[in-house]
Amino acid sequence: MPKISVIMTSYNKPAFVEKSILSVLNQTFQDFELFIMDDDSD
């Protein structure tokens, strides 16, 4: 299976970013790249 890209966005919700990252890392499929975009949080 080819590598997939996971794109995550966030705006002023740091607690959800950690939870979301852990969710991605705990998947059984491991051939991925993770991009996290901050939408100019305060």
Protein backbone atom coordinates (compact mmCIF):
# COMPACT_ATOMS: atom_id res chain seq x y z
CA MET A 1 0.00 0.00 0.00
CA PRO A 2 1.35 3.48 -0.79
CA LYS A 3 2.16 6.15 1.75
CA ILE A 4 -0.71 8.44 2.67
CA SER A 5 -0.70 12.04 3.86
CA VAL A 6 -2.62 13.10 6.95
CA ILE A 7 -3.29 16.83 7.12
CA MET A 8 -4.44 18.26 10.42
CA THR A 9 -5.49 21.86 11.01
CA SER A 10 -5.84 23.70 14.29
CA TYR A 11 -6.96 27.08 15.55
CA ASN A 12 -6.66 27.87 19.29
CA LYS A 13 -7.30 24.28 20.42
CA PRO A 14 -3.95 22.90 21.66
CA ALA A 15 -5.58 20.15 23.74
CA PHE A 16 -7.20 18.70 20.63
CA VAL A 17 -3.93 18.76 18.70
CA GLU A 18 -2.23 16.41 21.16
CA LYS A 19 -5.22 14.06 21.19
CA SER A 20 -5.39 14.07 17.39
CA ILE A 21 -1.67 13.37 16.98
CA LEU A 22 -1.88 10.44 19.36
CA SER A 23 -4.86 9.10 17.46
CA VAL A 24 -2.94 9.17 14.18
CA LEU A 25 0.15 7.59 15.75
CA ASN A 26 -1.92 4.75 17.22
CA GLN A 27 -3.23 3.57 13.85
CA THR A 28 -2.17 0.14 12.63
CA PHE A 29 -1.22 1.55 9.21
CA GLN A 30 2.16 3.21 9.71
CA ASP A 31 3.29 4.33 6.25
CA PHE A 32 2.11 7.93 6.48
CA GLU A 33 3.31 11.48 6.73
CA LEU A 34 1.63 13.90 9.12
CA PHE A 35 1.27 17.62 8.43
CA ILE A 36 -0.03 19.91 11.16
CA MET A 37 -1.15 23.37 10.11
CA ASP A 38 -1.72 26.14 12.65
CA ASP A 39 -4.20 28.70 11.37
CA ASP A 40 -2.55 31.70 13.09
CA SER A 41 -3.66 30.83 16.64
CA ASP A 42 -3.46 33.44 19.38
